[in-house]
Amino acid sequence: MLASLPAIEVIDRQVQEALAEDVGQGDITAQLIPADRWRRARVITREAGVFCGEAWIESVFRQLDPRVQVSQIAHDGERLVADQTLFYVEGPARALMTGERTALNFVQTLCGTATHCQAYADRVADTGVRLLDTRKTLPGLRLAQKYAVTCGGCHNHRIGLFDAFLIKENHIAACGGIAEAVASAHRIAPGKPVEVEVENKAELEEALTAGADIIMLDEFDLISMREAVKFTAGRAKLEASGGITNKTLRPIAETGVDYISIGTLTKDVKALDLSMRVLENG
């Protein structure tokens, strides 16, 4: 589970690739500006949301020109109102122009992710359930998006295929059954969390008997979820998954499950509307 900001090396690599994609052989339009000209610019949000992306902003301008100074006004996890100032940048005007789109692309995406997650988290804040993301992330930006998820008040599921077992229908079929799959997991990597996806009460009982740590209730209806919670009686954590919407989120949370995993937290994200303007008087 990602507990904090990704390592700076990870962020710098993401930014380096984004700058290479955008700048290429060089920003020919920025070359119209005298090399010694300095400017100050302000970035605002045109809509309410949740902020995320401080480290990516710093990395963009540091890599372009270390003389650029970033003055952060909003901080990761902070709720925003429309027209709020997020940060200022000051330095060589060429660097400000060149870095604008890359910086805003990162921030609008991460703010959009955090904002989307906060809307879900607010709906179940008093229930005790944990909302989990999935691996349905933008290629190359998984750690960034998963950090944004936490800024929005939700939680991370697996980071990748390496940090926990998630035994699904096809794994079960290939292994020869739930008991065989769980036993293999315990043998291969003792101590790693083992989660099993089940589709009915019989499979739930099998997973409990096999010693699964977490059991994913796939496409269970509300009545079946309540029955599963009662039957499990704390012997394993229960996770609801599949077809979760804003409409069904609250009723599912009230069944007593421990977790709800939601692919749309990172998959169906609307970027926050941001704008950068150079200040006339610097």
C-alpha atoms as a PDB file:
ATOM      1  CA  MET A   1       0.000   0.000   0.000  1.00  0.00           C
ATOM      2  CA  LEU A   2       1.259   3.467  -0.906  1.00  0.00           C
ATOM      3  CA  ALA A   3       1.387   5.328   2.388  1.00  0.00           C
ATOM      4  CA  SER A   4       3.024   8.563   1.254  1.00  0.00           C
ATOM      5  CA  LEU A   5       4.250  10.661  -1.644  1.00  0.00           C
ATOM      6  CA  PRO A   6       6.114   8.646  -4.304  1.00  0.00           C
ATOM      7  CA  ALA A   7       9.903   8.859  -4.166  1.00  0.00           C
ATOM      8  CA  ILE A   8      11.301  11.990  -5.793  1.00  0.00           C
ATOM      9  CA  GLU A   9      13.148   9.775  -8.286  1.00  0.00           C
ATOM     10  CA  VAL A  10       9.806   8.396  -9.457  1.00  0.00           C
ATOM     11  CA  ILE A  11       8.281  11.859  -9.786  1.00  0.00           C
ATOM     12  CA  ASP A  12      11.327  13.217 -11.605  1.00  0.00           C
ATOM     13  CA  ARG A  13      11.200  10.322 -14.065  1.00  0.00           C
ATOM     14  CA  GLN A  14       7.506  10.911 -14.787  1.00  0.00           C
ATOM     15  CA  VAL A  15       8.179  14.601 -15.335  1.00  0.00           C
ATOM     16  CA  GLN A  16      11.259  13.965 -17.465  1.00  0.00           C
ATOM     17  CA  GLU A  17       9.252  11.757 -19.811  1.00  0.00           C
ATOM     18  CA  ALA A  18       6.417  14.283 -20.009  1.00  0.00           C
ATOM     19  CA  LEU A  19       8.810  17.141 -20.784  1.00  0.00           C
ATOM     20  CA  ALA A  20      10.578  15.106 -23.454  1.00  0.00           C
ATOM     21  CA  GLU A  21       7.214  14.371 -25.040  1.00  0.00           C
ATOM     22  CA  ASP A  22       6.169  18.037 -25.062  1.00  0.00           C
ATOM     23  CA  VAL A  23       9.404  19.970 -25.556  1.00  0.00           C
ATOM     24  CA  GLY A  24      11.141  17.604 -27.956  1.00  0.00           C
ATOM     25  CA  GLN A  25      13.950  19.475 -29.751  1.00  0.00           C
ATOM     26  CA  GLY A  26      13.034  22.704 -27.970  1.00  0.00           C
ATOM     27  CA  ASP A  27      10.213  25.195 -27.425  1.00  0.00           C
ATOM     28  CA  ILE A  28      10.517  27.337 -30.536  1.00  0.00           C
ATOM     29  CA  THR A  29       7.778  29.769 -29.477  1.00  0.00           C
ATOM     30  CA  ALA A  30       9.439  30.480 -26.131  1.00  0.00           C
ATOM     31  CA  GLN A  31      12.558  31.521 -28.043  1.00  0.00           C
ATOM     32  CA  LEU A  32      10.668  34.641 -29.140  1.00  0.00           C
ATOM     33  CA  ILE A  33      11.066  35.916 -25.564  1.00  0.00           C
ATOM     34  CA  PRO A  34      14.377  37.582 -24.636  1.00  0.00           C
ATOM     35  CA  ALA A  35      16.519  35.103 -22.709  1.00  0.00           C
ATOM     36  CA  ASP A  36      17.074  37.507 -19.799  1.00  0.00           C
ATOM     37  CA  ARG A  37      13.405  38.398 -19.291  1.00  0.00           C
ATOM     38  CA  TRP A  38      11.892  37.385 -15.937  1.00  0.00           C
ATOM     39  CA  ARG A  39       8.218  37.109 -15.202  1.00  0.00           C
ATOM     40  CA  ARG A  40       5.838  36.014 -12.458  1.00  0.00           C
ATOM     41  CA  ALA A  41       2.714  33.972 -13.143  1.00  0.00           C
ATOM     42  CA  ARG A  42      -0.256  32.808 -11.126  1.00  0.00           C
ATOM     43  CA  VAL A  43      -2.162  29.545 -11.461  1.00  0.00           C
ATOM     44  CA  ILE A  44      -5.806  29.390 -10.387  1.00  0.00           C
ATOM     45  CA  THR A  45      -8.575  26.822 -10.433  1.00  0.00           C
ATOM     46  CA  ARG A  46     -11.793  27.783 -12.153  1.00  0.00           C
ATOM     47  CA  GLU A  47     -13.792  25.259 -10.136  1.00  0.00           C
ATOM     48  CA  ALA A  48     -13.985  23.747  -6.673  1.00  0.00           C
ATOM     49  CA  GLY A  49     -12.066  20.580  -5.928  1.00  0.00           C
ATOM     50  CA  VAL A  50      -9.231  18.994  -3.953  1.00  0.00           C
ATOM     51  CA  PHE A  51      -5.606  19.905  -4.575  1.00  0.00           C
ATOM     52  CA  CYS A  52      -2.842  17.451  -5.423  1.00  0.00           C
ATOM     53  CA  GLY A  53       0.447  17.841  -7.263  1.00  0.00           C
ATOM     54  CA  GLU A  54       2.920  20.020  -5.349  1.00  0.00           C
ATOM     55  CA  ALA A  55       5.916  17.777  -5.987  1.00  0.00           C
ATOM     56  CA  TRP A  56       5.192  17.493  -9.715  1.00  0.00           C
ATOM     57  CA  ILE A  57       5.067  21.285 -10.097  1.00  0.00           C
ATOM     58  CA  GLU A  58       8.418  21.633  -8.348  1.00  0.00           C
ATOM     59  CA  SER A  59       9.941  18.920 -10.514  1.00  0.00           C
ATOM     60  CA  VAL A  60       8.758  20.426 -13.809  1.00  0.00           C
ATOM     61  CA  PHE A  61      10.292  23.832 -13.216  1.00  0.00           C
ATOM     62  CA  ARG A  62      13.411  22.531 -11.462  1.00  0.00           C
ATOM     63  CA  GLN A  63      14.200  20.353 -14.450  1.00  0.00           C
ATOM     64  CA  LEU A  64      13.603  23.189 -16.915  1.00  0.00           C
ATOM     65  CA  ASP A  65      15.482  25.887 -15.009  1.00  0.00           C
ATOM     66  CA  PRO A  66      16.489  25.670 -11.324  1.00  0.00           C
ATOM     67  CA  ARG A  67      16.214  29.460 -11.080  1.00  0.00           C
ATOM     68  CA  VAL A  68      12.422  29.254 -11.233  1.00  0.00           C
ATOM     69  CA  GLN A  69      10.863  29.765  -7.817  1.00  0.00           C
ATOM     70  CA  VAL A  70       7.560  28.061  -7.004  1.00  0.00           C
ATOM     71  CA  SER A  71       5.427  29.599  -4.250  1.00  0.00           C
ATOM     72  CA  GLN A  72       2.816  27.064  -3.255  1.00  0.00           C
ATOM     73  CA  ILE A  73      -0.449  28.486  -1.894  1.00  0.00           C
ATOM     74  CA  ALA A  74      -2.622  25.356  -1.947  1.00  0.00           C
ATOM     75  CA  HIS A  75      -1.289  22.113  -0.514  1.00  0.00           C
ATOM     76  CA  ASP A  76      -1.971  18.443  -1.209  1.00  0.00           C
ATOM     77  CA  GLY A  77      -5.288  17.337   0.249  1.00  0.00           C
ATOM     78  CA  GLU A  78      -6.657  20.867   0.649  1.00  0.00           C
ATOM     79  CA  ARG A  79     -10.187  21.579  -0.519  1.00  0.00           C
ATOM     80  CA  LEU A  80     -10.419  24.323  -3.112  1.00  0.00           C
ATOM     81  CA  VAL A  81     -13.007  26.896  -4.116  1.00  0.00           C
ATOM     82  CA  ALA A  82     -13.497  28.330  -7.587  1.00  0.00           C
ATOM     83  CA  ASP A  83     -11.040  31.078  -8.585  1.00  0.00           C
ATOM     84  CA  GLN A  84      -8.645  30.179  -5.771  1.00  0.00           C
ATOM     85  CA  THR A  85      -4.932  30.780  -6.352  1.00  0.00           C
ATOM     86  CA  LEU A  86      -2.994  27.497  -6.275  1.00  0.00           C
ATOM     87  CA  PHE A  87       0.596  28.643  -6.757  1.00  0.00           C
ATOM     88  CA  TYR A  88       2.882  31.281  -8.238  1.00  0.00           C
ATOM     89  CA  VAL A  89       5.953  30.709 -10.382  1.00  0.00           C
ATOM     90  CA  GLU A  90       8.671  33.296 -10.912  1.00  0.00           C
ATOM     91  CA  GLY A  91      11.801  33.140 -13.035  1.00  0.00           C
ATOM     92  CA  PRO A  92      13.020  33.201 -16.638  1.00  0.00           C
ATOM     93  CA  ALA A  93       9.948  33.787 -18.786  1.00  0.00           C
ATOM     94  CA  ARG A  94      11.027  31.151 -21.288  1.00  0.00           C
ATOM     95  CA  ALA A  95      11.003  28.452 -18.617  1.00  0.00           C
ATOM     96  CA  LEU A  96       7.575  29.539 -17.374  1.00  0.00           C
ATOM     97  CA  MET A  97       6.102  29.308 -20.863  1.00  0.00           C
ATOM     98  CA  THR A  98       7.756  25.977 -21.630  1.00  0.00           C
ATOM     99  CA  GLY A  99       6.727  24.348 -18.360  1.00  0.00           C
ATOM    100  CA  GLU A 100       3.170  25.654 -18.200  1.00  0.00           C
ATOM    101  CA  ARG A 101       1.365  22.841 -20.014  1.00  0.00           C
ATOM    102  CA  THR A 102       3.349  19.977 -18.513  1.00  0.00           C
ATOM    103  CA  ALA A 103       2.866  21.322 -14.991  1.00  0.00           C
ATOM    104  CA  LEU A 104      -0.839  21.926 -15.521  1.00  0.00           C
ATOM    105  CA  ASN A 105      -1.336  18.516 -17.122  1.00  0.00           C
ATOM    106  CA  PHE A 106       0.009  16.802 -14.022  1.00  0.00           C
ATOM    107  CA  VAL A 107      -1.858  19.039 -11.583  1.00  0.00           C
ATOM    108  CA  GLN A 108      -5.223  19.025 -13.371  1.00  0.00           C
ATOM    109  CA  THR A 109      -5.135  15.222 -13.570  1.00  0.00           C
ATOM    110  CA  LEU A 110      -4.084  14.689  -9.961  1.00  0.00           C
ATOM    111  CA  CYS A 111      -6.520  17.322  -8.680  1.00  0.00           C
ATOM    112  CA  GLY A 112      -9.248  15.710 -10.765  1.00  0.00           C
ATOM    113  CA  THR A 113      -8.464  12.320  -9.259  1.00  0.00           C
ATOM    114  CA  ALA A 114      -8.415  13.669  -5.695  1.00  0.00           C
ATOM    115  CA  THR A 115     -11.633  15.610  -6.278  1.00  0.00           C
ATOM    116  CA  HIS A 116     -13.424  12.571  -7.707  1.00  0.00           C
ATOM    117  CA  CYS A 117     -12.317  10.451  -4.741  1.00  0.00           C
ATOM    118  CA  GLN A 118     -13.400  13.062  -2.211  1.00  0.00           C
ATOM    119  CA  ALA A 119     -16.922  13.065  -3.646  1.00  0.00           C
ATOM    120  CA  TYR A 120     -17.148   9.318  -3.022  1.00  0.00           C
ATOM    121  CA  ALA A 121     -15.477   9.477   0.400  1.00  0.00           C
ATOM    122  CA  ASP A 122     -17.855  12.179   1.618  1.00  0.00           C
ATOM    123  CA  ARG A 123     -20.871   9.960   0.922  1.00  0.00           C
ATOM    124  CA  VAL A 124     -19.742   7.253   3.346  1.00  0.00           C
ATOM    125  CA  ALA A 125     -17.600   9.221   5.798  1.00  0.00           C
ATOM    126  CA  ASP A 126     -19.688   8.182   8.809  1.00  0.00           C
ATOM    127  CA  THR A 127     -19.877   4.454   8.026  1.00  0.00           C
ATOM    128  CA  GLY A 128     -16.355   3.259   8.755  1.00  0.00           C
ATOM    129  CA  VAL A 129     -15.976   1.563   5.366  1.00  0.00           C
ATOM    130  CA  ARG A 130     -12.763   2.087   3.397  1.00  0.00           C
ATOM    131  CA  LEU A 131     -13.036   2.959  -0.277  1.00  0.00           C
ATOM    132  CA  LEU A 132     -10.264   1.350  -2.330  1.00  0.00           C
ATOM    133  CA  ASP A 133      -8.872   2.161  -5.740  1.00  0.00           C
ATOM    134  CA  THR A 134      -7.860  -0.446  -8.328  1.00  0.00           C
ATOM    135  CA  ARG A 135      -5.132  -0.953 -10.942  1.00  0.00           C
ATOM    136  CA  LYS A 136      -7.260   0.880 -13.542  1.00  0.00           C
ATOM    137  CA  THR A 137      -4.847   3.811 -13.728  1.00  0.00           C
ATOM    138  CA  LEU A 138      -3.250   5.887 -16.473  1.00  0.00           C
ATOM    139  CA  PRO A 139      -0.177   4.091 -17.867  1.00  0.00           C
ATOM    140  CA  GLY A 140       2.982   5.467 -16.282  1.00  0.00           C
ATOM    141  CA  LEU A 141       1.087   7.464 -13.659  1.00  0.00           C
ATOM    142  CA  ARG A 142      -0.034   4.725 -11.278  1.00  0.00           C
ATOM    143  CA  LEU A 143       1.889   5.927  -8.223  1.00  0.00           C
ATOM    144  CA  ALA A 144       0.892   9.521  -8.930  1.00  0.00           C
ATOM    145  CA  GLN A 145      -2.795   8.674  -9.207  1.00  0.00           C
ATOM    146  CA  LYS A 146      -2.707   6.393  -6.190  1.00  0.00           C
ATOM    147  CA  TYR A 147      -1.189   9.226  -4.162  1.00  0.00           C
ATOM    148  CA  ALA A 148      -3.979  11.512  -5.404  1.00  0.00           C
ATOM    149  CA  VAL A 149      -6.521   8.914  -4.249  1.00  0.00           C
ATOM    150  CA  THR A 150      -5.229   9.273  -0.686  1.00  0.00           C
ATOM    151  CA  CYS A 151      -5.329  13.080  -0.956  1.00  0.00           C
ATOM    152  CA  GLY A 152      -9.024  12.684  -1.774  1.00  0.00           C
ATOM    153  CA  GLY A 153      -9.752  10.640   1.330  1.00  0.00           C
ATOM    154  CA  CYS A 154      -9.831   7.159  -0.201  1.00  0.00           C
ATOM    155  CA  HIS A 155      -7.332   4.309   0.118  1.00  0.00           C
ATOM    156  CA  ASN A 156      -5.049   2.196  -2.035  1.00  0.00           C
ATOM    157  CA  HIS A 157      -5.651  -1.426  -2.917  1.00  0.00           C
ATOM    158  CA  ARG A 158      -2.685  -3.259  -4.440  1.00  0.00           C
ATOM    159  CA  ILE A 159      -0.053  -1.061  -6.048  1.00  0.00           C
ATOM    160  CA  GLY A 160       0.643  -3.777  -8.618  1.00  0.00           C
ATOM    161  CA  LEU A 161       0.760  -7.508  -9.132  1.00  0.00           C
ATOM    162  CA  PHE A 162       3.654  -7.889  -6.695  1.00  0.00           C
ATOM    163  CA  ASP A 163       2.496  -6.720  -3.271  1.00  0.00           C
ATOM    164  CA  ALA A 164      -0.499  -8.955  -2.542  1.00  0.00           C
ATOM    165  CA  PHE A 165      -2.301 -11.998  -3.919  1.00  0.00           C
ATOM    166  CA  LEU A 166      -5.670 -11.422  -5.569  1.00  0.00           C
ATOM    167  CA  ILE A 167      -6.998 -14.824  -6.572  1.00  0.00           C
ATOM    168  CA  LYS A 168      -9.800 -14.435  -9.087  1.00  0.00           C
ATOM    169  CA  GLU A 169     -12.029 -16.801 -11.042  1.00  0.00           C
ATOM    170  CA  ASN A 170      -9.440 -17.692 -13.686  1.00  0.00           C
ATOM    171  CA  HIS A 171      -6.693 -18.242 -11.109  1.00  0.00           C
ATOM    172  CA  ILE A 172      -9.004 -20.567  -9.185  1.00  0.00           C
ATOM    173  CA  ALA A 173      -9.813 -22.562 -12.320  1.00  0.00           C
ATOM    174  CA  ALA A 174      -6.139 -22.825 -13.287  1.00  0.00           C
ATOM    175  CA  CYS A 175      -5.050 -23.848  -9.777  1.00  0.00           C
ATOM    176  CA  GLY A 176      -7.761 -26.463  -9.332  1.00  0.00           C
ATOM    177  CA  GLY A 177      -9.838 -24.750  -6.670  1.00  0.00           C
ATOM    178  CA  ILE A 178      -9.872 -22.096  -3.955  1.00  0.00           C
ATOM    179  CA  ALA A 179      -8.156 -24.250  -1.333  1.00  0.00           C
ATOM    180  CA  GLU A 180      -5.339 -25.157  -3.714  1.00  0.00           C
ATOM    181  CA  ALA A 181      -4.815 -21.533  -4.774  1.00  0.00           C
ATOM    182  CA  VAL A 182      -4.707 -20.190  -1.216  1.00  0.00           C
ATOM    183  CA  ALA A 183      -2.373 -22.971  -0.071  1.00  0.00           C
ATOM    184  CA  SER A 184      -0.012 -22.166  -2.944  1.00  0.00           C
ATOM    185  CA  ALA A 185      -0.052 -18.478  -2.054  1.00  0.00           C
ATOM    186  CA  HIS A 186       0.858 -19.207   1.566  1.00  0.00           C
ATOM    187  CA  ARG A 187       3.666 -21.460   0.396  1.00  0.00           C
ATOM    188  CA  ILE A 188       5.075 -19.089  -2.242  1.00  0.00           C
ATOM    189  CA  ALA A 189       5.073 -15.900  -0.156  1.00  0.00           C
ATOM    190  CA  PRO A 190       4.280 -16.421   3.528  1.00  0.00           C
ATOM    191  CA  GLY A 191       3.018 -13.229   5.104  1.00  0.00           C
ATOM    192  CA  LYS A 192       1.761 -11.636   1.892  1.00  0.00           C
ATOM    193  CA  PRO A 193      -1.943 -10.719   2.049  1.00  0.00           C
ATOM    194  CA  VAL A 194      -4.149 -13.252   0.289  1.00  0.00           C
ATOM    195  CA  GLU A 195      -7.440 -12.092  -1.198  1.00  0.00           C
ATOM    196  CA  VAL A 196      -9.925 -14.369  -2.935  1.00  0.00           C
ATOM    197  CA  GLU A 197     -12.767 -13.338  -5.224  1.00  0.00           C
ATOM    198  CA  VAL A 198     -16.000 -15.270  -4.629  1.00  0.00           C
ATOM    199  CA  GLU A 199     -19.348 -15.271  -6.397  1.00  0.00           C
ATOM    200  CA  ASN A 200     -21.598 -17.062  -3.900  1.00  0.00           C
ATOM    201  CA  LYS A 201     -21.879 -18.273  -0.311  1.00  0.00           C
ATOM    202  CA  ALA A 202     -20.367 -21.686  -1.048  1.00  0.00           C
ATOM    203  CA  GLU A 203     -17.208 -20.071  -2.404  1.00  0.00           C
ATOM    204  CA  LEU A 204     -17.176 -17.685   0.555  1.00  0.00           C
ATOM    205  CA  GLU A 205     -17.152 -20.632   2.929  1.00  0.00           C
ATOM    206  CA  GLU A 206     -14.354 -22.274   0.935  1.00  0.00           C
ATOM    207  CA  ALA A 207     -12.247 -19.117   1.074  1.00  0.00           C
ATOM    208  CA  LEU A 208     -12.750 -18.780   4.827  1.00  0.00           C
ATOM    209  CA  THR A 209     -11.819 -22.404   5.416  1.00  0.00           C
ATOM    210  CA  ALA A 210      -8.722 -21.995   3.239  1.00  0.00           C
ATOM    211  CA  GLY A 211      -7.525 -19.050   5.337  1.00  0.00           C
ATOM    212  CA  ALA A 212      -7.985 -16.068   3.021  1.00  0.00           C
ATOM    213  CA  ASP A 213      -7.230 -12.715   4.641  1.00  0.00           C
ATOM    214  CA  ILE A 214      -9.639 -10.742   2.467  1.00  0.00           C
ATOM    215  CA  ILE A 215     -12.617 -11.988   0.484  1.00  0.00           C
ATOM    216  CA  MET A 216     -13.943 -10.023  -2.469  1.00  0.00           C
ATOM    217  CA  LEU A 217     -17.699 -10.305  -2.897  1.00  0.00           C
ATOM    218  CA  ASP A 218     -18.130 -10.013  -6.640  1.00  0.00           C
ATOM    219  CA  GLU A 219     -21.505  -8.694  -7.788  1.00  0.00           C
ATOM    220  CA  PHE A 220     -23.277  -9.692  -4.527  1.00  0.00           C
ATOM    221  CA  ASP A 221     -26.630  -7.997  -4.001  1.00  0.00           C
ATOM    222  CA  LEU A 222     -27.325  -6.129  -0.753  1.00  0.00           C
ATOM    223  CA  ILE A 223     -29.099  -9.024   0.946  1.00  0.00           C
ATOM    224  CA  SER A 224     -26.272 -11.411   0.071  1.00  0.00           C
ATOM    225  CA  MET A 225     -23.696  -8.922   1.352  1.00  0.00           C
ATOM    226  CA  ARG A 226     -25.445  -8.627   4.711  1.00  0.00           C
ATOM    227  CA  GLU A 227     -25.637 -12.407   4.960  1.00  0.00           C
ATOM    228  CA  ALA A 228     -21.933 -12.665   4.089  1.00  0.00           C
ATOM    229  CA  VAL A 229     -21.015 -10.158   6.808  1.00  0.00           C
ATOM    230  CA  LYS A 230     -23.028 -12.106   9.370  1.00  0.00           C
ATOM    231  CA  PHE A 231     -21.651 -15.464   8.244  1.00  0.00           C
ATOM    232  CA  THR A 232     -18.031 -14.289   8.174  1.00  0.00           C
ATOM    233  CA  ALA A 233     -18.285 -12.764  11.662  1.00  0.00           C
ATOM    234  CA  GLY A 234     -14.898 -11.064  11.456  1.00  0.00           C
ATOM    235  CA  ARG A 235     -12.919 -14.143  10.370  1.00  0.00           C
ATOM    236  CA  ALA A 236     -11.744 -12.255   7.271  1.00  0.00           C
ATOM    237  CA  LYS A 237     -12.107  -8.776   5.829  1.00  0.00           C
ATOM    238  CA  LEU A 238     -14.852  -8.426   3.234  1.00  0.00           C
ATOM    239  CA  GLU A 239     -14.594  -6.294   0.116  1.00  0.00           C
ATOM    240  CA  ALA A 240     -17.527  -5.380  -2.120  1.00  0.00           C
ATOM    241  CA  SER A 241     -16.686  -5.050  -5.790  1.00  0.00           C
ATOM    242  CA  GLY A 242     -18.345  -4.752  -9.164  1.00  0.00           C
ATOM    243  CA  GLY A 243     -20.764  -2.192 -10.543  1.00  0.00           C
ATOM    244  CA  ILE A 244     -20.395   0.299  -7.698  1.00  0.00           C
ATOM    245  CA  THR A 245     -22.066   3.639  -8.451  1.00  0.00           C
ATOM    246  CA  ASN A 246     -22.828   6.802  -6.509  1.00  0.00           C
ATOM    247  CA  LYS A 247     -26.383   5.500  -6.125  1.00  0.00           C
ATOM    248  CA  THR A 248     -25.397   2.108  -4.696  1.00  0.00           C
ATOM    249  CA  LEU A 249     -22.359   3.230  -2.676  1.00  0.00           C
ATOM    250  CA  ARG A 250     -24.129   4.228   0.528  1.00  0.00           C
ATOM    251  CA  PRO A 251     -26.394   1.143   0.778  1.00  0.00           C
ATOM    252  CA  ILE A 252     -23.379  -1.115   0.205  1.00  0.00           C
ATOM    253  CA  ALA A 253     -21.384   0.680   2.906  1.00  0.00           C
ATOM    254  CA  GLU A 254     -24.260   0.148   5.329  1.00  0.00           C
ATOM    255  CA  THR A 255     -24.156  -3.657   4.890  1.00  0.00           C
ATOM    256  CA  GLY A 256     -21.096  -3.802   7.139  1.00  0.00           C
ATOM    257  CA  VAL A 257     -18.428  -4.757   4.591  1.00  0.00           C
ATOM    258  CA  ASP A 258     -14.919  -3.548   5.396  1.00  0.00           C
ATOM    259  CA  TYR A 259     -13.919  -2.321   1.955  1.00  0.00           C
ATOM    260  CA  ILE A 260     -15.499  -1.195  -1.301  1.00  0.00           C
ATOM    261  CA  SER A 261     -13.255  -1.215  -4.378  1.00  0.00           C
ATOM    262  CA  ILE A 262     -14.181   1.226  -7.133  1.00  0.00           C
ATOM    263  CA  GLY A 263     -12.467   1.289 -10.508  1.00  0.00           C
ATOM    264  CA  THR A 264     -13.920   4.667 -11.427  1.00  0.00           C
ATOM    265  CA  LEU A 265     -11.863   6.409  -8.720  1.00  0.00           C
ATOM    266  CA  THR A 266      -8.957   6.532 -11.165  1.00  0.00           C
ATOM    267  CA  LYS A 267     -10.565   5.482 -14.455  1.00  0.00           C
ATOM    268  CA  ASP A 268     -13.331   8.042 -14.968  1.00  0.00           C
ATOM    269  CA  VAL A 269     -11.575  11.199 -13.848  1.00  0.00           C
ATOM    270  CA  LYS A 270     -12.419  14.693 -15.080  1.00  0.00           C
ATOM    271  CA  ALA A 271      -9.442  17.052 -15.023  1.00  0.00           C
ATOM    272  CA  LEU A 272      -9.856  20.151 -12.884  1.00  0.00           C
ATOM    273  CA  ASP A 273     -10.089  23.352 -14.943  1.00  0.00           C
ATOM    274  CA  LEU A 274      -6.898  25.318 -14.239  1.00  0.00           C
ATOM    275  CA  SER A 275      -5.425  28.470 -15.753  1.00  0.00           C
ATOM    276  CA  MET A 276      -2.024  30.185 -15.657  1.00  0.00           C
ATOM    277  CA  ARG A 277      -1.663  33.901 -16.314  1.00  0.00           C
ATOM    278  CA  VAL A 278       1.489  36.017 -16.432  1.00  0.00           C
ATOM    279  CA  LEU A 279       1.137  38.986 -14.087  1.00  0.00           C
ATOM    280  CA  GLU A 280       1.555  42.325 -15.824  1.00  0.00           C
ATOM    281  CA  ASN A 281       3.579  43.903 -13.039  1.00  0.00           C
ATOM    282  CA  GLY A 282       5.591  40.783 -12.321  1.00  0.00           C
END
